[in-house]
Amino acid sequence: MNYPLFEKHRARLEQATEALRTRGYWSAFAEMPSPKSYGETAAADGKRAFEAHLGKTFELAQPGVTGTHAGERSPYGIQLEVAYPVSDPEALIEAALAAMPAWNRQGAEGRCGILMEALDRLNRRSFEIGHAVMMTTGQAWMMAFQAGGPHAQDRGLEAVACAWREQAAIPGMAVWEKPQGKNPPIRMEKHFEIVGRGVAVVIGCGTFPTWNTYPGVFAALATGNPVIVKPHSNAILPAAITVSVIREVLAENGIDPNVITLAVAPQRTATQILATHASVKSVDFTGSNQFGNWLIENCRQAQVYAELAGVNNVVIESTDAYRAMLKNLAFTLSLYSGQMCTTTQAIIVPSQGIATDEGHKSFDEVAADLAAAIDAFVADPKVAHAVLGAIQSQDTARRIDEAHQYAEVLLPSRKLVNPEFPAADVRTPMLLQCDARDEAAYMTERFGPISFVVKAGNAQAAIELAERITRDHGALTAGIYSTSAEFVDAMVQATWRTKVALSINLTGAIFVNQSAAFSDYHGTGGNPSANASYADSAFVANRFRVVQRRVHA
């Protein structure tokens, strides 16, 4: 078959596949909101496109619509009032199953070509999506544009490239010929069909509604599965825009757009019914341990890819760049008010203190200096608002208000007033300190701008504590500061045992809570925080099956 869209995007797909192989820096989409990359009017056009959604019904022409739902609350205090179609879960399942055979017949080339075109169009709407992400999640503008737009699109492309690589390794047909001595050989013609496993449900989170969902959406679609996207109830608009763009590309190419649909479910029970349906064969989820573990335990008919809570940690043993280390950590703890699954929560320091380029620093000095570095970083309101954003949920605000009871407060969280959005709930980071024995304080994820400086008995005990935290409670990121090669190696060994990504001596413009598409493995699937890693073979290969047929040739 001829696949024009595959040929149109072949070069980019091959670049992406090569980037996955080499794991060096590569990005398909410009991360800066520059007119040079997106056009002179892109910023204004995108903002107008976002505003055009407000106070209206978002039309998707989906099956089984029983009504509409409008309940998103903007952390910035603006009125959204977008109404979305609510479809009967059974109708969405039936429509997905009806669309699946033709989607499978497209083959890997056909599917990847269509998805590459969809990603290209999503990129053109990055400003619109950026505003939608900002106003539903509380991210500051630059993060909302980057993480919600081009970085999420890179993650989607990463999944398509990985899926293409896995499927391209499977031949469509082979002639099997077995010699029979003096007799004619036995010849068989064998055909191998790549078939999706079944309906995929992708459940979005409230903080990163595109970055955390695009890998599952595009991996499932690329491998032949219809997808039902169930967004977080407070971050529906970015998902709705995404679904509408993909449906548009499908329809233009003569394919049933119900290959992808949006499931707006005001009640959790509707999500549970959808996820446990017999026809659903994969579920992607990012969010709380409570619901994630419920999915793992109850979705027995499906493969569940879950990213759950964890206690990310950093060990400080010594440093030859003390001020740069503090500045790096201050930014890490401030970025998006700590509302990231990769943000450090436990900073473990030996009780006897650390050696630095400024001389020996006691435990108390390290803790106090880190508090001062954070306070200095958010002292400039312009910088603070550009980095902190706003608190996404009332649960996070409550955790901040209650955190003082867990340990000694080194730096209290302050409320700031954003002059552009005076109704926004803006909070500065809160830093506490405690002894390693006070496990109830720091060994539970306290999502938001809440971190602990933890006093360990000595340097070796600090590594042992970091290892135990990750093993028992999970972590997506770990960090180490040390001038000792032997100590760094000991931390490396610990992270191998607990299967967590490690950052070593970060003092520049790279931070432990950042993850780069095509290079970093986000999650390992090896500790309680995540049972899969984005963009590796395991993340896509189990989403399809190879069904063969053979006949005498």
Protein backbone atom coordinates (compact mmCIF):
# COMPACT_ATOMS: atom_id res chain seq x y z
CA MET A 1 0.00 0.00 0.00
CA ASN A 2 1.01 3.60 -0.52
CA TYR A 3 1.14 5.75 2.62
CA PRO A 4 1.69 9.41 1.62
CA LEU A 5 1.78 10.66 5.23
CA PHE A 6 4.42 8.11 6.14
CA GLU A 7 6.58 9.26 3.24
CA LYS A 8 5.94 12.89 4.15
CA HIS A 9 7.26 12.34 7.69
CA ARG A 10 9.69 9.48 7.06
CA ALA A 11 12.83 11.59 7.53
CA ARG A 12 11.70 12.88 10.93
CA LEU A 13 10.67 9.40 12.06
CA GLU A 14 14.05 8.02 11.06
CA GLN A 15 15.77 10.84 12.94
CA ALA A 16 13.69 10.06 16.01
CA THR A 17 14.51 6.36 15.80
CA GLU A 18 18.20 7.13 15.49
CA ALA A 19 17.95 9.51 18.46
CA LEU A 20 16.48 6.68 20.52
CA ARG A 21 19.42 4.50 19.55
CA THR A 22 22.14 7.04 20.35
CA ARG A 23 20.35 8.76 23.29
CA GLY A 24 22.08 12.08 22.56
CA TYR A 25 20.35 15.46 22.37
CA TRP A 26 17.68 15.71 19.68
CA SER A 27 14.33 17.45 19.57
CA ALA A 28 11.80 17.54 16.77
CA PHE A 29 9.90 20.58 17.98
CA ALA A 30 11.17 24.03 18.96
CA GLU A 31 10.86 24.52 22.72
CA MET A 32 11.03 28.31 22.73
CA PRO A 33 7.83 30.24 21.88
CA SER A 34 9.65 32.24 19.24
CA PRO A 35 8.10 33.87 16.16
CA LYS A 36 11.03 32.46 14.18
CA SER A 37 9.83 28.95 14.91
CA TYR A 38 6.07 29.36 15.08
CA GLY A 39 5.30 32.46 13.00
CA GLU A 40 4.86 36.13 13.73
CA THR A 41 1.20 35.85 14.73
CA ALA A 42 1.34 32.43 16.44
CA ALA A 43 1.33 33.79 20.01
CA ALA A 44 -1.68 36.05 19.50
CA ASP A 45 -3.50 33.48 17.37
CA GLY A 46 -2.95 30.77 19.98
CA LYS A 47 -4.24 32.90 22.83
CA ARG A 48 -7.34 33.83 20.82
CA ALA A 49 -7.90 30.15 19.99
CA PHE A 50 -7.73 29.28 23.68
CA GLU A 51 -10.09 32.08 24.65
CA ALA A 52 -12.54 30.97 21.96
CA HIS A 53 -13.14 27.76 23.94
CA LEU A 54 -14.18 29.55 27.12
CA GLY A 55 -17.83 29.50 28.09
CA LYS A 56 -18.75 27.22 25.17
CA THR A 57 -19.39 23.57 24.43
CA PHE A 58 -16.40 21.69 23.03
CA GLU A 59 -17.78 19.75 20.08
CA LEU A 60 -16.31 16.33 19.31
CA ALA A 61 -19.17 14.50 17.54
CA GLN A 62 -18.63 11.41 19.65
CA PRO A 63 -21.05 8.50 20.04
CA GLY A 64 -23.25 7.86 23.05
CA VAL A 65 -23.45 11.46 24.31
CA THR A 66 -25.71 11.66 27.34
CA GLY A 67 -25.09 15.29 28.29
CA THR A 68 -22.31 17.75 29.00
CA HIS A 69 -20.06 18.52 31.94
CA ALA A 70 -18.29 21.75 32.87
CA GLY A 71 -16.34 21.73 36.10
CA GLU A 72 -12.75 22.80 35.58
CA ARG A 73 -11.43 25.31 38.12
CA SER A 74 -8.51 27.42 37.00
CA PRO A 75 -5.73 27.75 39.61
CA TYR A 76 -5.27 31.27 38.24
CA GLY A 77 -8.83 32.20 39.09
CA ILE A 78 -10.13 32.85 35.58
CA GLN A 79 -13.52 31.51 34.53
CA LEU A 80 -13.21 28.59 32.13
CA GLU A 81 -16.77 27.21 31.90
CA VAL A 82 -16.04 24.91 28.96
CA ALA A 83 -18.68 22.19 28.58
CA TYR A 84 -17.58 18.79 27.30
CA PRO A 85 -19.66 15.92 25.94
CA VAL A 86 -20.23 13.10 28.39
CA SER A 87 -20.48 9.76 26.56
CA ASP A 88 -21.76 6.46 27.83
CA PRO A 89 -18.67 4.27 28.51
CA GLU A 90 -20.21 1.29 26.76
CA ALA A 91 -20.87 3.37 23.65
CA LEU A 92 -17.23 4.49 23.58
CA ILE A 93 -16.05 0.88 23.92
CA GLU A 94 -18.34 -0.29 21.12
CA ALA A 95 -17.23 2.54 18.85
CA ALA A 96 -13.58 1.78 19.56
CA LEU A 97 -14.01 -1.91 18.78
CA ALA A 98 -15.82 -1.06 15.55
CA ALA A 99 -13.00 1.26 14.48
CA MET A 100 -10.19 -1.13 15.41
CA PRO A 101 -10.12 -3.54 12.41
CA ALA A 102 -9.64 -0.78 9.83
CA TRP A 103 -7.02 0.88 12.05
CA ASN A 104 -5.11 -2.40 12.20
CA ARG A 105 -5.30 -2.79 8.42
CA GLN A 106 -3.42 0.48 8.06
CA GLY A 107 -0.33 -1.37 9.18
CA ALA A 108 2.58 0.17 11.05
CA GLU A 109 3.45 2.54 8.21
CA GLY A 110 -0.07 3.82 7.81
CA ARG A 111 -0.59 4.33 11.52
CA CYS A 112 2.77 5.99 12.12
CA GLY A 113 2.26 8.34 9.17
CA ILE A 114 -1.09 9.52 10.48
CA LEU A 115 0.26 9.98 14.01
CA MET A 116 3.27 11.92 12.75
CA GLU A 117 0.89 14.24 10.92
CA ALA A 118 -1.18 14.64 14.09
CA LEU A 119 1.92 15.54 16.11
CA ASP A 120 2.89 18.09 13.48
CA ARG A 121 -0.53 19.72 13.75
CA LEU A 122 -0.46 19.63 17.53
CA ASN A 123 2.85 21.46 17.37
CA ARG A 124 1.28 24.22 15.28
CA ARG A 125 -1.28 24.66 18.07
CA SER A 126 1.31 24.78 20.85
CA PHE A 127 0.35 28.30 21.99
CA GLU A 128 -3.31 27.33 22.29
CA ILE A 129 -2.41 24.14 24.16
CA GLY A 130 0.09 26.06 26.30
CA HIS A 131 -2.61 28.46 27.51
CA ALA A 132 -4.97 25.52 28.13
CA VAL A 133 -2.31 23.74 30.18
CA MET A 134 -1.38 26.89 32.10
CA MET A 135 -4.94 27.76 33.03
CA THR A 136 -5.96 24.24 34.08
CA THR A 137 -2.79 23.14 35.90
CA GLY A 138 -1.34 26.30 37.42
CA GLN A 139 1.96 25.95 35.60
CA ALA A 140 3.74 29.19 34.79
CA TRP A 141 3.63 30.20 31.14
CA MET A 142 7.03 28.98 29.97
CA MET A 143 6.64 25.56 31.54
CA ALA A 144 3.06 25.29 30.28
CA PHE A 145 4.16 26.08 26.74
CA GLN A 146 7.19 23.78 26.80
CA ALA A 147 5.98 20.82 28.85
CA GLY A 148 2.43 21.06 27.54
CA GLY A 149 3.45 21.63 23.92
CA PRO A 150 6.77 20.72 22.26
CA HIS A 151 8.16 18.59 25.09
CA ALA A 152 4.93 16.57 25.25
CA GLN A 153 4.94 16.29 21.46
CA ASP A 154 8.52 15.00 21.61
CA ARG A 155 7.33 12.40 24.10
CA GLY A 156 4.55 11.40 21.71
CA LEU A 157 6.99 11.16 18.82
CA GLU A 158 9.35 9.17 21.02
CA ALA A 159 6.57 6.62 21.58
CA VAL A 160 5.75 6.45 17.86
CA ALA A 161 9.42 5.96 16.97
CA CYS A 162 9.80 3.24 19.58
CA ALA A 163 6.64 1.53 18.33
CA TRP A 164 7.84 1.81 14.73
CA ARG A 165 11.20 0.30 15.64
CA GLU A 166 9.55 -2.68 17.32
CA GLN A 167 7.07 -3.30 14.52
CA ALA A 168 9.55 -2.75 11.69
CA ALA A 169 11.57 -5.67 13.04
CA ILE A 170 8.72 -8.04 12.18
CA PRO A 171 8.58 -9.14 8.51
CA GLY A 172 5.23 -9.12 6.77
CA MET A 173 5.88 -12.37 4.93
CA ALA A 174 8.47 -15.12 4.70
CA VAL A 175 8.96 -18.19 2.53
CA TRP A 176 9.95 -21.16 4.65
CA GLU A 177 11.72 -23.95 2.80
CA LYS A 178 12.88 -27.14 4.53
CA PRO A 179 15.16 -29.52 2.59
CA GLN A 180 13.96 -33.15 2.28
CA GLY A 181 17.05 -34.85 0.89
CA LYS A 182 16.25 -36.47 -2.44
CA ASN A 183 12.63 -35.39 -2.20
CA PRO A 184 11.34 -31.91 -3.08
CA PRO A 185 11.67 -29.41 -0.19
CA ILE A 186 8.69 -28.48 1.90
CA ARG A 187 7.79 -24.88 1.15
CA MET A 188 5.47 -22.75 3.24
CA GLU A 189 4.41 -19.16 2.78
CA LYS A 190 4.01 -17.46 6.14
CA HIS A 191 2.34 -14.10 6.79
CA PHE A 192 2.75 -12.16 10.04
CA GLU A 193 0.13 -9.61 11.04
CA ILE A 194 0.66 -7.05 13.78
CA VAL A 195 -2.61 -6.72 15.69
CA GLY A 196 -3.41 -4.40 18.57
CA ARG A 197 -4.37 -6.07 21.83
CA GLY A 198 -7.62 -4.19 22.28
CA VAL A 199 -9.04 -0.95 23.59
CA ALA A 200 -6.57 1.27 25.48
CA VAL A 201 -7.65 3.62 28.26
CA VAL A 202 -5.30 6.49 29.10
CA ILE A 203 -6.09 8.25 32.39
CA GLY A 204 -4.62 11.74 32.64
CA CYS A 205 -3.31 13.64 35.67
CA GLY A 206 -4.13 17.16 36.79
CA THR A 207 -0.61 18.57 36.68
CA PHE A 208 0.80 17.38 33.33
CA PRO A 209 -2.22 16.55 31.16
CA THR A 210 -0.23 16.18 27.91
CA TRP A 211 3.36 15.33 28.91
CA ASN A 212 2.23 12.40 31.04
CA THR A 213 -0.45 11.13 28.65
CA TYR A 214 1.09 11.46 25.17
CA PRO A 215 3.44 8.47 25.64
CA GLY A 216 0.55 6.11 26.38
CA VAL A 217 -1.78 7.63 23.78
CA PHE A 218 0.70 7.47 20.92
CA ALA A 219 2.24 4.13 21.90
CA ALA A 220 -1.21 2.52 21.97
CA LEU A 221 -2.37 4.10 18.71
CA ALA A 222 0.85 3.29 16.85
CA THR A 223 0.55 -0.38 17.76
CA GLY A 224 -3.00 -0.73 16.46
CA ASN A 225 -5.15 -0.03 19.50
CA PRO A 226 -8.07 2.39 19.68
CA VAL A 227 -7.70 4.79 22.60
CA ILE A 228 -10.14 6.29 25.05
CA VAL A 229 -8.61 9.29 26.83
CA LYS A 230 -9.99 9.89 30.30
CA PRO A 231 -8.61 13.29 31.42
CA HIS A 232 -8.33 14.53 34.98
CA SER A 233 -11.53 16.36 35.88
CA ASN A 234 -9.65 19.64 36.31
CA ALA A 235 -7.48 19.39 33.17
CA ILE A 236 -9.85 18.42 30.40
CA LEU A 237 -9.23 21.16 27.83
CA PRO A 238 -5.66 20.14 26.82
CA ALA A 239 -6.86 16.55 26.34
CA ALA A 240 -9.93 17.66 24.39
CA ILE A 241 -7.81 19.72 21.99
CA THR A 242 -5.46 16.77 21.52
CA VAL A 243 -8.27 14.31 20.83
CA SER A 244 -9.95 16.69 18.39
CA VAL A 245 -6.73 17.15 16.37
CA ILE A 246 -6.11 13.41 16.09
CA ARG A 247 -9.76 12.78 15.15
CA GLU A 248 -9.47 15.44 12.47
CA VAL A 249 -6.43 13.77 10.88
CA LEU A 250 -8.09 10.34 11.03
CA ALA A 251 -11.26 11.58 9.35
CA GLU A 252 -9.32 13.38 6.61
CA ASN A 253 -7.67 10.08 5.74
CA GLY A 254 -10.88 8.09 5.55
CA ILE A 255 -10.49 6.43 8.95
CA ASP A 256 -13.17 6.21 11.60
CA PRO A 257 -12.28 9.02 14.05
CA ASN A 258 -13.56 6.87 16.91
CA VAL A 259 -10.12 5.31 16.92
CA ILE A 260 -9.71 7.93 19.66
CA THR A 261 -12.39 9.41 21.90
CA LEU A 262 -12.62 11.51 25.06
CA ALA A 263 -14.23 10.09 28.20
CA VAL A 264 -15.29 12.90 30.51
CA ALA A 265 -16.32 11.14 33.69
CA PRO A 266 -17.57 13.39 36.51
CA GLN A 267 -17.62 10.39 38.88
CA ARG A 268 -14.70 8.04 39.62
CA THR A 269 -17.07 5.07 39.33
CA ALA A 270 -17.43 5.77 35.60
CA THR A 271 -13.64 5.60 35.23
CA GLN A 272 -13.58 2.33 37.15
CA ILE A 273 -16.28 0.83 34.93
CA LEU A 274 -14.35 1.89 31.84
CA ALA A 275 -10.96 0.64 33.03
CA THR A 276 -12.24 -2.78 34.10
CA HIS A 277 -14.24 -3.46 30.92
CA ALA A 278 -13.41 -6.83 29.37
CA SER A 279 -12.50 -5.21 26.04
CA VAL A 280 -9.95 -2.86 27.61
CA LYS A 281 -6.49 -4.43 27.31
CA SER A 282 -4.22 -1.63 28.50
CA VAL A 283 -4.55 1.19 31.01
CA ASP A 284 -2.08 4.07 31.40
CA PHE A 285 -2.30 6.03 34.64
CA THR A 286 -0.39 8.78 36.42
CA GLY A 287 -1.56 9.81 39.86
CA SER A 288 -2.19 8.74 43.42
CA ASN A 289 -1.12 5.44 44.92
CA GLN A 290 -4.64 4.79 46.12
CA PHE A 291 -6.28 4.78 42.70
CA GLY A 292 -3.21 3.46 40.89
CA ASN A 293 -3.03 0.40 43.12
CA TRP A 294 -6.78 -0.06 42.73
CA LEU A 295 -6.30 -0.19 38.96
CA ILE A 296 -3.43 -2.68 39.24
CA GLU A 297 -5.44 -4.93 41.54
CA ASN A 298 -8.75 -4.74 39.67
CA CYS A 299 -7.88 -4.41 35.97
CA ARG A 300 -6.93 -8.07 35.66
CA GLN A 301 -7.94 -8.14 32.01
CA ALA A 302 -5.47 -5.38 31.07
CA GLN A 303 -1.81 -4.41 31.25
CA VAL A 304 -1.62 -1.44 33.62
CA TYR A 305 1.18 1.09 33.09
CA ALA A 306 1.21 3.11 36.31
CA GLU A 307 3.29 6.01 37.55
CA LEU A 308 2.57 6.51 41.24
CA ALA A 309 3.81 8.51 44.20
CA GLY A 310 7.36 8.30 45.51
CA VAL A 311 9.88 9.99 47.78
CA ASN A 312 12.58 11.44 45.56
CA ASN A 313 15.82 12.02 47.41
CA VAL A 314 19.25 13.65 47.22
CA VAL A 315 22.31 12.76 49.30
CA ILE A 316 24.86 15.51 50.02
CA GLU A 317 28.23 14.11 51.14
CA SER A 318 30.60 16.86 49.92
CA THR A 319 30.89 19.41 47.13
CA ASP A 320 33.44 21.60 45.40
CA ALA A 321 30.75 24.07 44.29
CA TYR A 322 28.75 24.83 47.40
CA ARG A 323 26.89 27.97 46.24
CA ALA A 324 26.14 26.50 42.82
CA MET A 325 24.80 23.36 44.49
CA LEU A 326 22.49 25.38 46.72
CA LYS A 327 21.27 27.44 43.78
CA ASN A 328 20.55 24.30 41.76
CA LEU A 329 18.62 22.74 44.62
CA ALA A 330 16.69 25.97 45.25
CA PHE A 331 15.47 26.02 41.66
CA THR A 332 14.64 22.31 41.80
CA LEU A 333 12.45 22.76 44.88
CA SER A 334 10.77 25.89 43.48
CA LEU A 335 9.95 24.75 39.94
CA TYR A 336 6.15 24.57 39.55
CA SER A 337 5.91 24.76 43.35
CA GLY A 338 7.21 21.20 43.64
CA GLN A 339 4.13 19.82 41.87
CA MET A 340 6.17 17.38 39.79
CA CYS A 341 6.53 13.63 40.19
CA THR A 342 10.31 14.12 39.91
CA THR A 343 10.83 16.85 42.53
CA THR A 344 13.17 16.10 45.43
CA GLN A 345 11.51 15.72 48.82
CA ALA A 346 14.23 14.30 51.10
CA ILE A 347 17.68 15.97 51.15
CA ILE A 348 19.89 13.67 53.24
CA VAL A 349 22.94 15.17 54.96
CA PRO A 350 25.36 13.43 57.37
CA SER A 351 25.09 14.61 60.99
CA GLN A 352 28.75 15.64 61.04
CA GLY A 353 28.25 17.96 58.07
CA ILE A 354 30.07 18.11 54.72
CA ALA A 355 33.33 19.26 53.17
CA THR A 356 32.97 22.12 50.67
CA ASP A 357 35.05 24.57 48.68
CA GLU A 358 34.20 27.08 51.43
CA GLY A 359 35.46 24.81 54.18
CA HIS A 360 33.57 22.44 56.45
CA LYS A 361 29.84 23.07 56.80
CA SER A 362 27.90 21.62 59.70
CA PHE A 363 24.53 19.96 59.21
CA ASP A 364 22.80 23.04 60.62
CA GLU A 365 24.75 25.32 58.28
CA VAL A 366 23.84 23.27 55.22
CA ALA A 367 20.17 23.29 56.20
CA ALA A 368 20.15 27.02 56.95
CA ASP A 369 22.07 27.90 53.79
CA LEU A 370 19.65 25.89 51.62
CA ALA A 371 16.71 27.70 53.23
CA ALA A 372 18.42 31.03 52.54
CA ALA A 373 19.11 30.05 48.92
CA ILE A 374 15.45 29.22 48.35
CA ASP A 375 14.32 32.42 50.01
CA ALA A 376 16.73 34.46 47.88
CA PHE A 377 15.60 32.72 44.70
CA VAL A 378 11.93 33.59 45.19
CA ALA A 379 12.64 37.09 46.57
CA ASP A 380 12.18 38.69 43.16
CA PRO A 381 8.42 38.51 42.44
CA LYS A 382 8.97 38.44 38.68
CA VAL A 383 11.25 35.42 38.96
CA ALA A 384 9.03 33.76 41.55
CA HIS A 385 5.87 33.93 39.45
CA ALA A 386 7.71 32.76 36.33
CA VAL A 387 8.88 29.64 38.19
CA LEU A 388 6.33 28.84 40.91
CA GLY A 389 3.12 29.10 38.92
CA ALA A 390 0.08 28.44 41.10
CA ILE A 391 -1.10 25.64 43.37
CA GLN A 392 -3.12 23.23 41.24
CA SER A 393 -5.36 21.61 43.83
CA GLN A 394 -6.86 22.42 47.19
CA ASP A 395 -5.40 19.16 48.52
CA THR A 396 -1.90 20.49 47.85
CA ALA A 397 -2.73 23.77 49.57
CA ARG A 398 -3.97 21.81 52.58
CA ARG A 399 -0.76 19.76 52.70
CA ILE A 400 1.28 22.98 52.80
CA ASP A 401 -0.85 24.37 55.62
CA GLU A 402 -0.46 21.18 57.67
CA ALA A 403 3.24 20.48 57.00
CA HIS A 404 4.55 22.50 59.98
CA GLN A 405 3.38 19.75 62.35
CA TYR A 406 5.73 17.13 60.85
CA ALA A 407 9.15 18.63 61.63
CA GLU A 408 11.06 21.76 62.54
CA VAL A 409 10.35 24.51 60.00
CA LEU A 410 13.47 26.05 58.48
CA LEU A 411 11.65 28.10 55.87
CA PRO A 412 7.89 28.63 56.05
CA SER A 413 5.85 28.79 52.87
CA ARG A 414 4.62 32.28 52.04
CA LYS A 415 1.65 33.33 49.95
CA LEU A 416 2.46 35.65 47.07
CA VAL A 417 0.11 37.86 45.10
CA ASN A 418 0.38 37.54 41.34
CA PRO A 419 -0.53 41.00 39.98
CA GLU A 420 -1.73 39.51 36.69
CA PHE A 421 -3.85 36.83 38.39
CA PRO A 422 -4.70 38.10 41.90
CA ALA A 423 -6.99 35.12 42.60
CA ALA A 424 -4.15 32.62 42.07
CA ASP A 425 -2.97 30.63 45.07
CA VAL A 426 0.81 31.13 44.86
CA ARG A 427 3.02 29.56 47.54
CA THR A 428 6.77 29.63 48.06
CA PRO A 429 8.59 26.39 48.98
CA MET A 430 8.55 25.12 52.54
CA LEU A 431 11.69 23.54 53.98
CA LEU A 432 11.77 21.48 57.18
CA GLN A 433 14.46 19.53 58.98
CA CYS A 434 14.31 16.31 60.95
CA ASP A 435 16.32 13.35 62.12
CA ALA A 436 16.45 10.17 60.03
CA ARG A 437 14.53 8.42 62.82
CA ASP A 438 11.50 10.68 62.18
CA GLU A 439 10.38 8.52 59.29
CA ALA A 440 6.72 9.45 59.56
CA ALA A 441 7.67 12.99 58.56
CA TYR A 442 9.55 12.44 55.31
CA MET A 443 8.91 8.86 54.14
CA THR A 444 5.51 9.67 52.69
CA GLU A 445 5.17 11.68 49.50
CA ARG A 446 3.93 15.17 50.39
CA PHE A 447 3.17 16.39 46.92
CA GLY A 448 3.84 20.09 46.51
CA PRO A 449 6.50 22.57 47.69
CA ILE A 450 7.36 20.62 50.85
CA SER A 451 10.87 19.23 51.39
CA PHE A 452 12.92 17.93 54.32
CA VAL A 453 16.60 18.17 55.20
CA VAL A 454 17.16 14.80 56.88
CA LYS A 455 20.02 14.20 59.34
CA ALA A 456 21.69 10.84 58.77
CA GLY A 457 24.14 9.21 61.19
CA ASN A 458 27.03 9.44 58.73
CA ALA A 459 27.73 9.41 55.00
CA GLN A 460 27.31 5.66 54.62
CA ALA A 461 24.08 5.80 56.56
CA ALA A 462 22.87 8.52 54.17
CA ILE A 463 23.27 6.20 51.18
CA GLU A 464 21.64 3.34 53.03
CA LEU A 465 18.71 5.59 53.92
CA ALA A 466 18.30 6.79 50.33
CA GLU A 467 18.32 3.19 49.16
CA ARG A 468 15.71 2.13 51.69
CA ILE A 469 13.46 5.08 50.88
CA THR A 470 13.45 4.18 47.19
CA ARG A 471 13.09 0.45 47.77
CA ASP A 472 10.17 0.77 50.17
CA HIS A 473 8.39 3.89 48.94
CA GLY A 474 9.58 4.38 45.38
CA ALA A 475 11.28 7.27 43.62
CA LEU A 476 11.61 8.53 40.06
CA THR A 477 14.74 10.59 40.74
CA ALA A 478 17.73 10.48 43.05
CA GLY A 479 20.72 12.77 43.36
CA ILE A 480 24.19 12.74 44.84
CA TYR A 481 26.68 15.50 45.66
CA SER A 482 30.16 14.22 46.42
CA THR A 483 33.79 14.88 45.49
CA SER A 484 34.64 11.25 46.28
CA ALA A 485 34.64 8.84 43.36
CA GLU A 486 34.23 5.92 45.77
CA PHE A 487 31.20 7.52 47.43
CA VAL A 488 29.60 8.33 44.08
CA ASP A 489 30.15 4.73 42.99
CA ALA A 490 28.50 3.50 46.19
CA MET A 491 25.45 5.63 45.37
CA VAL A 492 25.46 4.33 41.80
CA GLN A 493 25.43 0.77 43.11
CA ALA A 494 22.53 1.63 45.43
CA THR A 495 20.48 3.07 42.58
CA TRP A 496 21.13 -0.03 40.49
CA ARG A 497 19.67 -2.12 43.29
CA THR A 498 16.62 0.11 43.67
CA LYS A 499 16.24 0.92 39.95
CA VAL A 500 16.11 4.72 40.08
CA ALA A 501 17.62 7.38 37.81
CA LEU A 502 20.58 9.18 39.39
CA SER A 503 21.89 12.72 38.84
CA ILE A 504 25.45 13.41 39.99
CA ASN A 505 26.76 16.80 41.14
CA LEU A 506 24.26 18.98 39.26
CA THR A 507 25.33 22.62 39.62
CA GLY A 508 24.40 24.18 36.27
CA ALA A 509 21.28 24.60 34.17
CA ILE A 510 20.18 20.96 34.37
CA PHE A 511 18.02 19.92 37.32
CA VAL A 512 17.18 16.58 38.86
CA ASN A 513 13.47 16.96 38.15
CA GLN A 514 13.89 17.46 34.39
CA SER A 515 13.63 14.62 31.87
CA ALA A 516 14.62 14.92 28.21
CA ALA A 517 12.79 13.02 25.49
CA PHE A 518 14.84 10.67 23.27
CA SER A 519 17.59 10.55 25.89
CA ASP A 520 16.37 10.03 29.44
CA TYR A 521 14.44 6.97 30.56
CA HIS A 522 11.58 8.45 32.57
CA GLY A 523 11.03 5.79 35.22
CA THR A 524 12.57 2.33 35.22
CA GLY A 525 9.68 0.09 36.17
CA GLY A 526 11.89 -1.21 38.97
CA ASN A 527 10.56 0.39 42.16
CA PRO A 528 7.13 1.28 43.59
CA SER A 529 6.93 4.66 41.80
CA ALA A 530 6.52 3.24 38.31
CA ASN A 531 5.99 -0.18 36.77
CA ALA A 532 7.14 0.93 33.31
CA SER A 533 9.56 3.32 31.63
CA TYR A 534 8.54 5.69 28.87
CA ALA A 535 10.00 5.00 25.44
CA ASP A 536 11.65 1.68 25.96
CA SER A 537 10.79 -1.57 24.22
CA ALA A 538 8.72 -2.92 27.11
CA PHE A 539 6.49 0.17 27.08
CA VAL A 540 5.30 -0.52 23.54
CA ALA A 541 5.98 -4.18 22.72
CA ASN A 542 3.29 -5.56 25.00
CA ARG A 543 0.66 -3.40 23.33
CA PHE A 544 0.47 -5.56 20.19
CA ARG A 545 0.48 -9.21 19.17
CA VAL A 546 1.81 -10.94 16.06
CA VAL A 547 -0.73 -13.29 14.50
CA GLN A 548 0.56 -15.56 11.74
CA ARG A 549 -1.06 -17.53 8.97
CA ARG A 550 0.69 -20.07 6.74
CA VAL A 551 -0.09 -21.92 3.56
CA HIS A 552 1.75 -24.35 1.31
CA ALA A 553 3.74 -22.50 -1.32
